[in-house]
Amino acid sequence: MEDLIHFYVTFLGIPRELAILHTVKFERVEIPKKTAIIKHGETEDYLYFISKGMVRFFILKPHPTEPAKEITFSFIVENMFCSAYDSFITRSPCNYTIETLKDTVIYRIHYQDLQNLYKTTEIGNYIGRISAEGLYVRKAQREMSLLMYNAEERYLNLLKTCPEYVLQIPLKYIASYLGITPQALSRIRKQIS
C-alpha cells in the first residue's frame, strides 16, 4: 500500500494522513501475465491503480469467415489509474477486455466504496476528478493521434511517452495499436534505428 500512498503524496500533492485515509479501501491484487482483469460483457466494478506491470485494452473485431481479430487500443503502465471507465460509471456491460501484459500488481477500489468516499470526503471527490481527467486525457490524445499522425509518427510518439515499456510490449500489440501490420512496424523500426 505504501507505493499507492507515495503516489498520492508525491504526484497528487495529498497530505500523507489524507492519502492513508483515502487508500484504506483499496485492495492489493497480484495478477499473472496474460490474465483478463475484466472481459467483454462484464460490468466494471473497480477503479485500478497500476503499481507494477502493464495492461492493454482490446476489442475483438468479428470477421465472417475468419476468427475474430484482437484490436489493441490502449496501454496503461505503472503509476497510472485505469478502468473500463465507461462501464464503471454507467454500470453497463463492457465492450472490450483489459488484460495484463506481464505480471502486474494493482490496487483496486470497488465502485460502492468509491461512491462512499465521494460522499464523505473532499479528497475523495478530488481523487475521483483527477482519475477521470487522466482517463479522459489519454482517450483524447489517442483519438487526436489517429487523426493527425501517420503510423511512423504515432510509433515515435509512443516511444517518446513510454520508452521503457515499448520494448516489453509484443510487436503484434503495438502494430494493432498503431493500426498497421507487424511487418509494417518492423519496417518503421528499421528506418528509425
N, C-alpha and C. Protein backbone atom coordinates (compact mmCIF):
# COMPACT_ATOMS: atom_id res chain seq x y z
N MET A 1 0.82 -1.20 0.00
CA MET A 1 0.00 0.00 0.00
C MET A 1 0.87 1.26 0.00
N GLU A 2 2.09 1.11 0.46
CA GLU A 2 2.97 2.27 0.59
C GLU A 2 3.22 2.94 -0.76
N ASP A 3 3.32 2.15 -1.85
CA ASP A 3 3.56 2.77 -3.16
C ASP A 3 2.35 3.58 -3.62
N LEU A 4 1.15 3.16 -3.31
CA LEU A 4 -0.04 3.94 -3.64
C LEU A 4 -0.08 5.23 -2.82
N ILE A 5 0.22 5.12 -1.54
CA ILE A 5 0.26 6.32 -0.68
C ILE A 5 1.33 7.28 -1.20
N HIS A 6 2.49 6.74 -1.57
CA HIS A 6 3.58 7.56 -2.12
C HIS A 6 3.11 8.31 -3.37
N PHE A 7 2.37 7.63 -4.25
CA PHE A 7 1.85 8.28 -5.46
C PHE A 7 0.93 9.43 -5.09
N TYR A 8 0.03 9.21 -4.15
CA TYR A 8 -0.90 10.26 -3.72
C TYR A 8 -0.15 11.48 -3.18
N VAL A 9 0.86 11.21 -2.36
CA VAL A 9 1.61 12.30 -1.73
C VAL A 9 2.50 13.01 -2.75
N THR A 10 3.26 12.24 -3.52
CA THR A 10 4.26 12.81 -4.42
C THR A 10 3.66 13.42 -5.68
N PHE A 11 2.78 12.68 -6.33
CA PHE A 11 2.27 13.13 -7.63
C PHE A 11 0.98 13.94 -7.53
N LEU A 12 0.18 13.70 -6.52
CA LEU A 12 -1.09 14.41 -6.39
C LEU A 12 -1.06 15.51 -5.33
N GLY A 13 0.02 15.54 -4.54
CA GLY A 13 0.18 16.58 -3.53
C GLY A 13 -0.78 16.47 -2.36
N ILE A 14 -1.21 15.24 -2.06
CA ILE A 14 -2.15 15.00 -0.97
C ILE A 14 -1.35 14.82 0.32
N PRO A 15 -1.75 15.46 1.41
CA PRO A 15 -1.08 15.20 2.70
C PRO A 15 -1.14 13.71 3.05
N ARG A 16 -0.08 13.21 3.64
CA ARG A 16 0.03 11.78 3.94
C ARG A 16 -1.17 11.24 4.73
N GLU A 17 -1.62 11.98 5.73
CA GLU A 17 -2.74 11.49 6.56
C GLU A 17 -4.00 11.29 5.72
N LEU A 18 -4.25 12.23 4.79
CA LEU A 18 -5.42 12.11 3.92
C LEU A 18 -5.24 10.99 2.90
N ALA A 19 -4.01 10.81 2.43
CA ALA A 19 -3.73 9.72 1.48
C ALA A 19 -4.00 8.38 2.15
N ILE A 20 -3.58 8.23 3.39
CA ILE A 20 -3.83 6.98 4.12
C ILE A 20 -5.32 6.76 4.29
N LEU A 21 -6.03 7.80 4.65
CA LEU A 21 -7.49 7.71 4.82
C LEU A 21 -8.17 7.27 3.52
N HIS A 22 -7.73 7.84 2.41
CA HIS A 22 -8.37 7.54 1.13
C HIS A 22 -8.02 6.15 0.62
N THR A 23 -6.81 5.70 0.87
CA THR A 23 -6.37 4.42 0.29
C THR A 23 -6.76 3.20 1.11
N VAL A 24 -7.33 3.40 2.28
CA VAL A 24 -7.67 2.27 3.16
C VAL A 24 -8.65 1.30 2.49
N LYS A 25 -9.48 1.78 1.58
CA LYS A 25 -10.46 0.91 0.91
C LYS A 25 -9.89 0.22 -0.33
N PHE A 26 -8.68 0.55 -0.71
CA PHE A 26 -8.05 -0.11 -1.86
C PHE A 26 -7.56 -1.50 -1.45
N GLU A 27 -7.67 -2.43 -2.35
CA GLU A 27 -7.24 -3.81 -2.14
C GLU A 27 -6.07 -4.09 -3.09
N ARG A 28 -5.00 -4.66 -2.57
CA ARG A 28 -3.83 -5.02 -3.40
C ARG A 28 -4.09 -6.38 -4.02
N VAL A 29 -3.86 -6.48 -5.34
CA VAL A 29 -4.08 -7.74 -6.06
C VAL A 29 -2.90 -7.97 -7.00
N GLU A 30 -2.35 -9.18 -6.97
CA GLU A 30 -1.30 -9.58 -7.91
C GLU A 30 -1.94 -10.40 -9.01
N ILE A 31 -1.67 -10.03 -10.27
CA ILE A 31 -2.31 -10.68 -11.41
C ILE A 31 -1.23 -11.20 -12.36
N PRO A 32 -1.28 -12.48 -12.70
CA PRO A 32 -0.28 -13.03 -13.62
C PRO A 32 -0.40 -12.44 -15.03
N LYS A 33 0.68 -12.56 -15.76
CA LYS A 33 0.74 -12.15 -17.17
C LYS A 33 -0.37 -12.85 -17.97
N LYS A 34 -0.92 -12.13 -18.97
CA LYS A 34 -1.94 -12.66 -19.90
C LYS A 34 -3.24 -13.04 -19.19
N THR A 35 -3.59 -12.29 -18.15
CA THR A 35 -4.83 -12.53 -17.41
C THR A 35 -5.77 -11.35 -17.62
N ALA A 36 -7.03 -11.64 -17.92
CA ALA A 36 -8.02 -10.59 -18.09
C ALA A 36 -8.41 -10.02 -16.72
N ILE A 37 -8.34 -8.70 -16.60
CA ILE A 37 -8.82 -8.02 -15.40
C ILE A 37 -10.34 -7.88 -15.50
N ILE A 38 -10.79 -7.55 -16.68
CA ILE A 38 -12.22 -7.52 -16.98
C ILE A 38 -12.39 -7.97 -18.43
N LYS A 39 -13.45 -8.72 -18.67
CA LYS A 39 -13.71 -9.25 -20.01
C LYS A 39 -14.91 -8.57 -20.65
N HIS A 40 -14.91 -8.60 -21.96
CA HIS A 40 -16.05 -8.12 -22.74
C HIS A 40 -17.33 -8.73 -22.18
N GLY A 41 -18.35 -7.90 -21.97
CA GLY A 41 -19.63 -8.39 -21.46
C GLY A 41 -19.80 -8.30 -19.96
N GLU A 42 -18.70 -8.08 -19.24
CA GLU A 42 -18.79 -7.92 -17.78
C GLU A 42 -18.97 -6.44 -17.44
N THR A 43 -19.53 -6.17 -16.28
CA THR A 43 -19.66 -4.80 -15.81
C THR A 43 -18.49 -4.48 -14.89
N GLU A 44 -17.85 -3.35 -15.15
CA GLU A 44 -16.67 -2.95 -14.37
C GLU A 44 -17.09 -2.52 -12.97
N ASP A 45 -16.50 -3.13 -11.98
CA ASP A 45 -16.80 -2.80 -10.58
C ASP A 45 -15.66 -2.07 -9.88
N TYR A 46 -14.52 -1.86 -10.57
CA TYR A 46 -13.36 -1.32 -9.88
C TYR A 46 -12.68 -0.20 -10.66
N LEU A 47 -12.04 0.66 -9.91
CA LEU A 47 -11.06 1.60 -10.43
C LEU A 47 -9.71 1.05 -9.97
N TYR A 48 -8.75 0.98 -10.89
CA TYR A 48 -7.45 0.36 -10.60
C TYR A 48 -6.34 1.39 -10.62
N PHE A 49 -5.34 1.14 -9.81
CA PHE A 49 -4.08 1.87 -9.87
C PHE A 49 -3.01 0.82 -10.17
N ILE A 50 -2.27 1.01 -11.26
CA ILE A 50 -1.22 0.05 -11.64
C ILE A 50 0.04 0.40 -10.87
N SER A 51 0.41 -0.45 -9.94
CA SER A 51 1.60 -0.24 -9.13
C SER A 51 2.83 -0.82 -9.82
N LYS A 52 2.65 -1.95 -10.46
CA LYS A 52 3.75 -2.64 -11.15
C LYS A 52 3.15 -3.38 -12.34
N GLY A 53 3.83 -3.33 -13.48
CA GLY A 53 3.36 -4.06 -14.65
C GLY A 53 2.69 -3.15 -15.66
N MET A 54 1.90 -3.76 -16.53
CA MET A 54 1.18 -3.01 -17.56
C MET A 54 0.02 -3.83 -18.08
N VAL A 55 -0.96 -3.11 -18.63
CA VAL A 55 -2.14 -3.76 -19.19
C VAL A 55 -2.42 -3.20 -20.58
N ARG A 56 -3.20 -3.95 -21.33
CA ARG A 56 -3.66 -3.45 -22.63
C ARG A 56 -5.18 -3.57 -22.69
N PHE A 57 -5.79 -2.70 -23.44
CA PHE A 57 -7.21 -2.70 -23.70
C PHE A 57 -7.39 -3.18 -25.14
N PHE A 58 -8.31 -4.13 -25.36
CA PHE A 58 -8.54 -4.56 -26.74
C PHE A 58 -9.99 -4.97 -26.96
N ILE A 59 -10.37 -4.87 -28.23
CA ILE A 59 -11.69 -5.35 -28.65
C ILE A 59 -11.48 -6.53 -29.57
N LEU A 60 -12.51 -7.34 -29.72
CA LEU A 60 -12.50 -8.42 -30.70
C LEU A 60 -13.32 -7.97 -31.90
N LYS A 61 -12.67 -7.85 -33.03
CA LYS A 61 -13.35 -7.44 -34.26
C LYS A 61 -13.77 -8.70 -35.01
N PRO A 62 -15.08 -8.94 -35.13
CA PRO A 62 -15.54 -10.16 -35.80
C PRO A 62 -15.25 -10.12 -37.31
N HIS A 63 -15.10 -11.29 -37.87
CA HIS A 63 -14.90 -11.44 -39.32
C HIS A 63 -15.78 -12.60 -39.75
N PRO A 64 -16.47 -12.47 -40.89
CA PRO A 64 -17.43 -13.51 -41.29
C PRO A 64 -16.83 -14.88 -41.56
N THR A 65 -15.57 -14.93 -42.03
CA THR A 65 -15.01 -16.23 -42.40
C THR A 65 -13.76 -16.62 -41.62
N GLU A 66 -13.26 -15.71 -40.80
CA GLU A 66 -12.04 -15.98 -40.03
C GLU A 66 -12.32 -15.77 -38.55
N PRO A 67 -11.42 -16.23 -37.69
CA PRO A 67 -11.60 -15.95 -36.25
C PRO A 67 -11.57 -14.44 -36.00
N ALA A 68 -12.20 -14.02 -34.93
CA ALA A 68 -12.21 -12.60 -34.57
C ALA A 68 -10.77 -12.11 -34.36
N LYS A 69 -10.53 -10.86 -34.71
CA LYS A 69 -9.20 -10.26 -34.62
C LYS A 69 -9.14 -9.33 -33.41
N GLU A 70 -8.08 -9.43 -32.63
CA GLU A 70 -7.89 -8.54 -31.49
C GLU A 70 -7.33 -7.20 -31.97
N ILE A 71 -7.99 -6.13 -31.58
CA ILE A 71 -7.53 -4.78 -31.90
C ILE A 71 -7.20 -4.07 -30.58
N THR A 72 -5.91 -3.80 -30.37
CA THR A 72 -5.45 -3.11 -29.16
C THR A 72 -5.66 -1.62 -29.32
N PHE A 73 -6.26 -0.98 -28.31
CA PHE A 73 -6.48 0.46 -28.42
C PHE A 73 -5.91 1.27 -27.27
N SER A 74 -5.32 0.63 -26.28
CA SER A 74 -4.69 1.40 -25.21
C SER A 74 -3.73 0.52 -24.41
N PHE A 75 -2.70 1.16 -23.88
CA PHE A 75 -1.78 0.55 -22.93
C PHE A 75 -1.75 1.43 -21.69
N ILE A 76 -1.79 0.83 -20.52
CA ILE A 76 -1.67 1.57 -19.26
C ILE A 76 -0.52 0.95 -18.48
N VAL A 77 0.36 1.82 -17.98
CA VAL A 77 1.58 1.35 -17.32
C VAL A 77 1.62 1.82 -15.87
N GLU A 78 2.72 1.54 -15.22
CA GLU A 78 2.88 1.84 -13.79
C GLU A 78 2.57 3.29 -13.46
N ASN A 79 2.03 3.48 -12.26
CA ASN A 79 1.69 4.80 -11.73
C ASN A 79 0.58 5.50 -12.50
N MET A 80 -0.32 4.70 -13.05
CA MET A 80 -1.48 5.26 -13.75
C MET A 80 -2.74 4.57 -13.25
N PHE A 81 -3.83 5.34 -13.24
CA PHE A 81 -5.13 4.77 -12.95
C PHE A 81 -5.70 4.21 -14.23
N CYS A 82 -6.52 3.18 -14.12
CA CYS A 82 -7.22 2.66 -15.28
C CYS A 82 -8.50 1.99 -14.83
N SER A 83 -9.37 1.77 -15.80
CA SER A 83 -10.64 1.12 -15.56
C SER A 83 -11.33 1.01 -16.90
N ALA A 84 -12.31 0.11 -17.00
CA ALA A 84 -13.25 0.16 -18.12
C ALA A 84 -14.24 1.23 -17.68
N TYR A 85 -13.79 2.47 -17.75
CA TYR A 85 -14.45 3.57 -17.06
C TYR A 85 -15.86 3.84 -17.55
N ASP A 86 -16.10 3.64 -18.85
CA ASP A 86 -17.46 3.83 -19.34
C ASP A 86 -18.41 2.83 -18.69
N SER A 87 -17.98 1.60 -18.56
CA SER A 87 -18.78 0.58 -17.88
C SER A 87 -18.90 0.89 -16.39
N PHE A 88 -17.81 1.36 -15.79
CA PHE A 88 -17.77 1.69 -14.37
C PHE A 88 -18.80 2.75 -14.01
N ILE A 89 -18.86 3.82 -14.81
CA ILE A 89 -19.77 4.91 -14.44
C ILE A 89 -21.21 4.68 -14.90
N THR A 90 -21.42 3.91 -15.97
CA THR A 90 -22.79 3.67 -16.44
C THR A 90 -23.40 2.41 -15.85
N ARG A 91 -22.53 1.57 -15.23
CA ARG A 91 -22.97 0.28 -14.65
C ARG A 91 -23.55 -0.63 -15.72
N SER A 92 -23.00 -0.56 -16.93
CA SER A 92 -23.45 -1.41 -18.03
C SER A 92 -22.28 -2.28 -18.50
N PRO A 93 -22.57 -3.36 -19.25
CA PRO A 93 -21.50 -4.27 -19.69
C PRO A 93 -20.45 -3.57 -20.55
N CYS A 94 -19.24 -4.04 -20.39
CA CYS A 94 -18.08 -3.52 -21.10
C CYS A 94 -18.03 -4.11 -22.51
N ASN A 95 -17.54 -3.31 -23.47
CA ASN A 95 -17.42 -3.77 -24.85
C ASN A 95 -16.01 -4.22 -25.23
N TYR A 96 -15.14 -4.32 -24.25
CA TYR A 96 -13.74 -4.68 -24.52
C TYR A 96 -13.18 -5.44 -23.33
N THR A 97 -11.92 -5.84 -23.47
CA THR A 97 -11.22 -6.60 -22.44
C THR A 97 -9.98 -5.83 -22.01
N ILE A 98 -9.67 -5.91 -20.72
CA ILE A 98 -8.40 -5.37 -20.20
C ILE A 98 -7.59 -6.57 -19.72
N GLU A 99 -6.37 -6.69 -20.25
CA GLU A 99 -5.53 -7.86 -19.98
C GLU A 99 -4.12 -7.43 -19.57
N THR A 100 -3.54 -8.15 -18.63
CA THR A 100 -2.16 -7.86 -18.21
C THR A 100 -1.19 -8.31 -19.30
N LEU A 101 -0.15 -7.51 -19.50
CA LEU A 101 0.90 -7.85 -20.47
C LEU A 101 2.09 -8.52 -19.79
N LYS A 102 2.19 -8.36 -18.50
CA LYS A 102 3.21 -9.02 -17.70
C LYS A 102 2.65 -9.14 -16.29
N ASP A 103 3.37 -9.83 -15.42
CA ASP A 103 2.90 -9.93 -14.04
C ASP A 103 2.66 -8.51 -13.52
N THR A 104 1.49 -8.30 -12.94
CA THR A 104 1.06 -6.94 -12.61
C THR A 104 0.52 -6.90 -11.18
N VAL A 105 0.84 -5.80 -10.50
CA VAL A 105 0.30 -5.55 -9.17
C VAL A 105 -0.59 -4.32 -9.29
N ILE A 106 -1.84 -4.49 -8.86
CA ILE A 106 -2.78 -3.37 -8.89
C ILE A 106 -3.32 -3.12 -7.49
N TYR A 107 -3.79 -1.92 -7.30
CA TYR A 107 -4.63 -1.59 -6.16
C TYR A 107 -5.97 -1.24 -6.75
N ARG A 108 -7.03 -1.80 -6.19
CA ARG A 108 -8.35 -1.54 -6.75
C ARG A 108 -9.31 -1.13 -5.65
N ILE A 109 -10.24 -0.28 -6.05
CA ILE A 109 -11.29 0.16 -5.13
C ILE A 109 -12.63 -0.13 -5.79
N HIS A 110 -13.53 -0.69 -5.04
CA HIS A 110 -14.85 -1.06 -5.56
C HIS A 110 -15.69 0.19 -5.81
N TYR A 111 -16.55 0.09 -6.78
CA TYR A 111 -17.44 1.18 -7.16
C TYR A 111 -18.15 1.78 -5.94
N GLN A 112 -18.76 0.94 -5.12
CA GLN A 112 -19.53 1.43 -3.98
C GLN A 112 -18.64 2.13 -2.95
N ASP A 113 -17.45 1.58 -2.72
CA ASP A 113 -16.52 2.23 -1.79
C ASP A 113 -16.09 3.60 -2.31
N LEU A 114 -15.88 3.70 -3.62
CA LEU A 114 -15.51 4.98 -4.20
C LEU A 114 -16.65 5.98 -4.09
N GLN A 115 -17.87 5.52 -4.33
CA GLN A 115 -19.04 6.41 -4.18
C GLN A 115 -19.14 6.91 -2.74
N ASN A 116 -18.88 6.04 -1.78
CA ASN A 116 -18.91 6.45 -0.36
C ASN A 116 -17.83 7.49 -0.06
N LEU A 117 -16.64 7.30 -0.64
CA LEU A 117 -15.58 8.29 -0.45
C LEU A 117 -15.97 9.63 -1.05
N TYR A 118 -16.61 9.60 -2.22
CA TYR A 118 -17.08 10.84 -2.84
C TYR A 118 -18.03 11.59 -1.91
N LYS A 119 -18.91 10.84 -1.27
CA LYS A 119 -19.94 11.45 -0.41
C LYS A 119 -19.38 11.94 0.92
N THR A 120 -18.37 11.26 1.44
CA THR A 120 -17.94 11.54 2.81
C THR A 120 -16.63 12.34 2.94
N THR A 121 -15.87 12.46 1.84
CA THR A 121 -14.60 13.19 1.95
C THR A 121 -14.40 14.12 0.77
N GLU A 122 -13.81 15.27 1.05
CA GLU A 122 -13.44 16.19 -0.03
C GLU A 122 -12.36 15.57 -0.90
N ILE A 123 -11.43 14.91 -0.28
CA ILE A 123 -10.32 14.32 -1.01
C ILE A 123 -10.81 13.24 -1.98
N GLY A 124 -11.88 12.55 -1.61
CA GLY A 124 -12.46 11.55 -2.50
C GLY A 124 -12.91 12.15 -3.81
N ASN A 125 -13.57 13.29 -3.74
CA ASN A 125 -14.00 13.97 -4.96
C ASN A 125 -12.81 14.44 -5.79
N TYR A 126 -11.78 14.94 -5.10
CA TYR A 126 -10.58 15.39 -5.81
C TYR A 126 -9.91 14.23 -6.54
N ILE A 127 -9.72 13.11 -5.84
CA ILE A 127 -9.08 11.94 -6.46
C ILE A 127 -9.94 11.42 -7.61
N GLY A 128 -11.24 11.38 -7.41
CA GLY A 128 -12.14 10.94 -8.47
C GLY A 128 -12.02 11.81 -9.70
N ARG A 129 -11.95 13.11 -9.48
CA ARG A 129 -11.81 14.04 -10.60
C ARG A 129 -10.47 13.84 -11.31
N ILE A 130 -9.39 13.71 -10.54
CA ILE A 130 -8.06 13.51 -11.13
C ILE A 130 -8.02 12.22 -11.94
N SER A 131 -8.62 11.15 -11.41
CA SER A 131 -8.66 9.87 -12.11
C SER A 131 -9.43 10.00 -13.42
N ALA A 132 -10.59 10.60 -13.35
CA ALA A 132 -11.43 10.77 -14.55
C ALA A 132 -10.74 11.65 -15.58
N GLU A 133 -10.11 12.71 -15.12
CA GLU A 133 -9.41 13.60 -16.04
C GLU A 133 -8.26 12.89 -16.74
N GLY A 134 -7.51 12.09 -15.98
CA GLY A 134 -6.41 11.33 -16.58
C GLY A 134 -6.89 10.35 -17.63
N LEU A 135 -7.96 9.65 -17.33
CA LEU A 135 -8.53 8.70 -18.29
C LEU A 135 -9.03 9.43 -19.54
N TYR A 136 -9.67 10.57 -19.35
CA TYR A 136 -10.18 11.34 -20.48
C TYR A 136 -9.04 11.86 -21.35
N VAL A 137 -8.01 12.42 -20.73
CA VAL A 137 -6.89 12.99 -21.49
C VAL A 137 -6.23 11.90 -22.34
N ARG A 138 -6.00 10.72 -21.76
CA ARG A 138 -5.40 9.64 -22.54
C ARG A 138 -6.27 9.26 -23.74
N LYS A 139 -7.58 9.21 -23.53
CA LYS A 139 -8.51 8.89 -24.62
C LYS A 139 -8.47 9.96 -25.70
N ALA A 140 -8.51 11.21 -25.31
CA ALA A 140 -8.49 12.31 -26.29
C ALA A 140 -7.17 12.33 -27.06
N GLN A 141 -6.06 12.12 -26.37
CA GLN A 141 -4.77 12.09 -27.04
C GLN A 141 -4.69 10.96 -28.06
N ARG A 142 -5.24 9.83 -27.71
CA ARG A 142 -5.26 8.68 -28.63
C ARG A 142 -6.06 9.02 -29.87
N GLU A 143 -7.24 9.60 -29.70
CA GLU A 143 -8.08 9.95 -30.84
C GLU A 143 -7.39 10.98 -31.74
N MET A 144 -6.79 11.99 -31.14
CA MET A 144 -6.09 13.01 -31.93
C MET A 144 -4.89 12.42 -32.66
N SER A 145 -4.20 11.52 -32.03
CA SER A 145 -3.05 10.86 -32.66
C SER A 145 -3.47 10.12 -33.92
N LEU A 146 -4.60 9.41 -33.84
CA LEU A 146 -5.08 8.68 -35.02
C LEU A 146 -5.48 9.62 -36.15
N LEU A 147 -5.96 10.80 -35.81
CA LEU A 147 -6.41 11.75 -36.83
C LEU A 147 -5.27 12.58 -37.41
N MET A 148 -4.24 12.85 -36.62
CA MET A 148 -3.22 13.81 -37.03
C MET A 148 -1.92 13.21 -37.54
N TYR A 149 -1.60 11.97 -37.14
CA TYR A 149 -0.28 11.45 -37.43
C TYR A 149 -0.33 10.16 -38.23
N ASN A 150 0.71 9.94 -39.01
CA ASN A 150 0.82 8.65 -39.71
C ASN A 150 1.39 7.61 -38.74
N ALA A 151 1.48 6.38 -39.20
CA ALA A 151 1.90 5.28 -38.32
C ALA A 151 3.30 5.50 -37.74
N GLU A 152 4.23 5.98 -38.54
CA GLU A 152 5.58 6.21 -38.04
C GLU A 152 5.58 7.28 -36.94
N GLU A 153 4.84 8.36 -37.16
CA GLU A 153 4.77 9.42 -36.15
C GLU A 153 4.10 8.91 -34.87
N ARG A 154 3.07 8.08 -35.01
CA ARG A 154 2.41 7.53 -33.82
C ARG A 154 3.38 6.62 -33.06
N TYR A 155 4.18 5.85 -33.78
CA TYR A 155 5.16 4.98 -33.12
C TYR A 155 6.21 5.82 -32.39
N LEU A 156 6.70 6.88 -33.03
CA LEU A 156 7.69 7.75 -32.39
C LEU A 156 7.11 8.42 -31.15
N ASN A 157 5.84 8.81 -31.21
CA ASN A 157 5.18 9.39 -30.03
C ASN A 157 5.07 8.38 -28.91
N LEU A 158 4.74 7.13 -29.26
CA LEU A 158 4.66 6.08 -28.25
C LEU A 158 6.03 5.85 -27.62
N LEU A 159 7.07 5.84 -28.44
CA LEU A 159 8.43 5.69 -27.92
C LEU A 159 8.79 6.84 -26.97
N LYS A 160 8.34 8.05 -27.32
CA LYS A 160 8.66 9.22 -26.50
C LYS A 160 7.90 9.20 -25.17
N THR A 161 6.63 8.77 -25.18
CA THR A 161 5.84 8.82 -23.96
C THR A 161 6.13 7.68 -23.00
N CYS A 162 6.47 6.52 -23.51
CA CYS A 162 6.79 5.41 -22.59
C CYS A 162 7.87 4.51 -23.18
N PRO A 163 9.09 5.06 -23.32
CA PRO A 163 10.18 4.30 -23.95
C PRO A 163 10.56 3.03 -23.21
N GLU A 164 10.47 3.05 -21.88
CA GLU A 164 10.88 1.88 -21.11
C GLU A 164 9.92 0.71 -21.25
N TYR A 165 8.73 0.97 -21.77
CA TYR A 165 7.72 -0.08 -21.90
C TYR A 165 7.58 -0.62 -23.32
N VAL A 166 7.87 0.20 -24.31
CA VAL A 166 7.63 -0.20 -25.70
C VAL A 166 8.35 -1.50 -26.05
N LEU A 167 9.56 -1.66 -25.57
CA LEU A 167 10.31 -2.87 -25.90
C LEU A 167 9.79 -4.10 -25.16
N GLN A 168 8.95 -3.89 -24.16
CA GLN A 168 8.39 -5.01 -23.40
C GLN A 168 7.04 -5.48 -23.97
N ILE A 169 6.45 -4.68 -24.86
CA ILE A 169 5.14 -5.00 -25.42
C ILE A 169 5.34 -5.80 -26.70
N PRO A 170 4.66 -6.93 -26.85
CA PRO A 170 4.80 -7.71 -28.08
C PRO A 170 4.49 -6.87 -29.33
N LEU A 171 5.29 -7.09 -30.36
CA LEU A 171 5.19 -6.35 -31.62
C LEU A 171 3.77 -6.35 -32.18
N LYS A 172 3.08 -7.49 -32.10
CA LYS A 172 1.74 -7.57 -32.70
C LYS A 172 0.75 -6.63 -31.99
N TYR A 173 0.93 -6.40 -30.69
CA TYR A 173 0.03 -5.49 -29.97
C TYR A 173 0.32 -4.04 -30.32
N ILE A 174 1.60 -3.70 -30.45
CA ILE A 174 1.96 -2.34 -30.84
C ILE A 174 1.45 -2.06 -32.25
N ALA A 175 1.66 -3.02 -33.16
CA ALA A 175 1.19 -2.85 -34.54
C ALA A 175 -0.33 -2.65 -34.57
N SER A 176 -1.05 -3.45 -33.82
CA SER A 176 -2.50 -3.32 -33.75
C SER A 176 -2.88 -1.95 -33.22
N TYR A 177 -2.21 -1.49 -32.17
CA TYR A 177 -2.46 -0.18 -31.58
C TYR A 177 -2.24 0.94 -32.61
N LEU A 178 -1.22 0.77 -33.45
CA LEU A 178 -0.90 1.78 -34.46
C LEU A 178 -1.78 1.66 -35.70
N GLY A 179 -2.49 0.54 -35.82
CA GLY A 179 -3.36 0.33 -36.98
C GLY A 179 -2.61 -0.14 -38.21
N ILE A 180 -1.51 -0.87 -37.98
CA ILE A 180 -0.71 -1.39 -39.10
C ILE A 180 -0.39 -2.86 -38.85
N THR A 181 0.24 -3.49 -39.83
CA THR A 181 0.64 -4.89 -39.68
C THR A 181 1.97 -4.97 -38.93
N PRO A 182 2.27 -6.12 -38.33
CA PRO A 182 3.58 -6.28 -37.69
C PRO A 182 4.74 -6.08 -38.67
N GLN A 183 4.55 -6.48 -39.92
CA GLN A 183 5.59 -6.30 -40.93
C GLN A 183 5.86 -4.82 -41.19
N ALA A 184 4.79 -4.02 -41.27
CA ALA A 184 4.96 -2.57 -41.47
C ALA A 184 5.67 -1.95 -40.27
N LEU A 185 5.35 -2.41 -39.07
CA LEU A 185 6.03 -1.89 -37.89
C LEU A 185 7.50 -2.27 -37.90
N SER A 186 7.83 -3.46 -38.33
CA SER A 186 9.24 -3.87 -38.43
C SER A 186 9.99 -2.94 -39.39
N ARG A 187 9.36 -2.59 -40.51
CA ARG A 187 9.99 -1.66 -41.47
C ARG A 187 10.20 -0.29 -40.83
N ILE A 188 9.22 0.19 -40.09
CA ILE A 188 9.35 1.50 -39.42
C ILE A 188 10.50 1.45 -38.42
N ARG A 189 10.58 0.37 -37.65
CA ARG A 189 11.67 0.26 -36.67
C ARG A 189 13.03 0.26 -37.34
N LYS A 190 13.14 -0.42 -38.48
CA LYS A 190 14.43 -0.44 -39.20
C LYS A 190 14.79 0.94 -39.73
N GLN A 191 13.79 1.69 -40.22
CA GLN A 191 14.04 3.02 -40.79
C GLN A 191 14.52 4.00 -39.73
N ILE A 192 14.02 3.89 -38.51
CA ILE A 192 14.37 4.89 -37.49
C ILE A 192 15.60 4.50 -36.66
N SER A 193 16.06 3.27 -36.81
CA SER A 193 17.21 2.87 -35.98
C SER A 193 18.52 3.11 -36.68
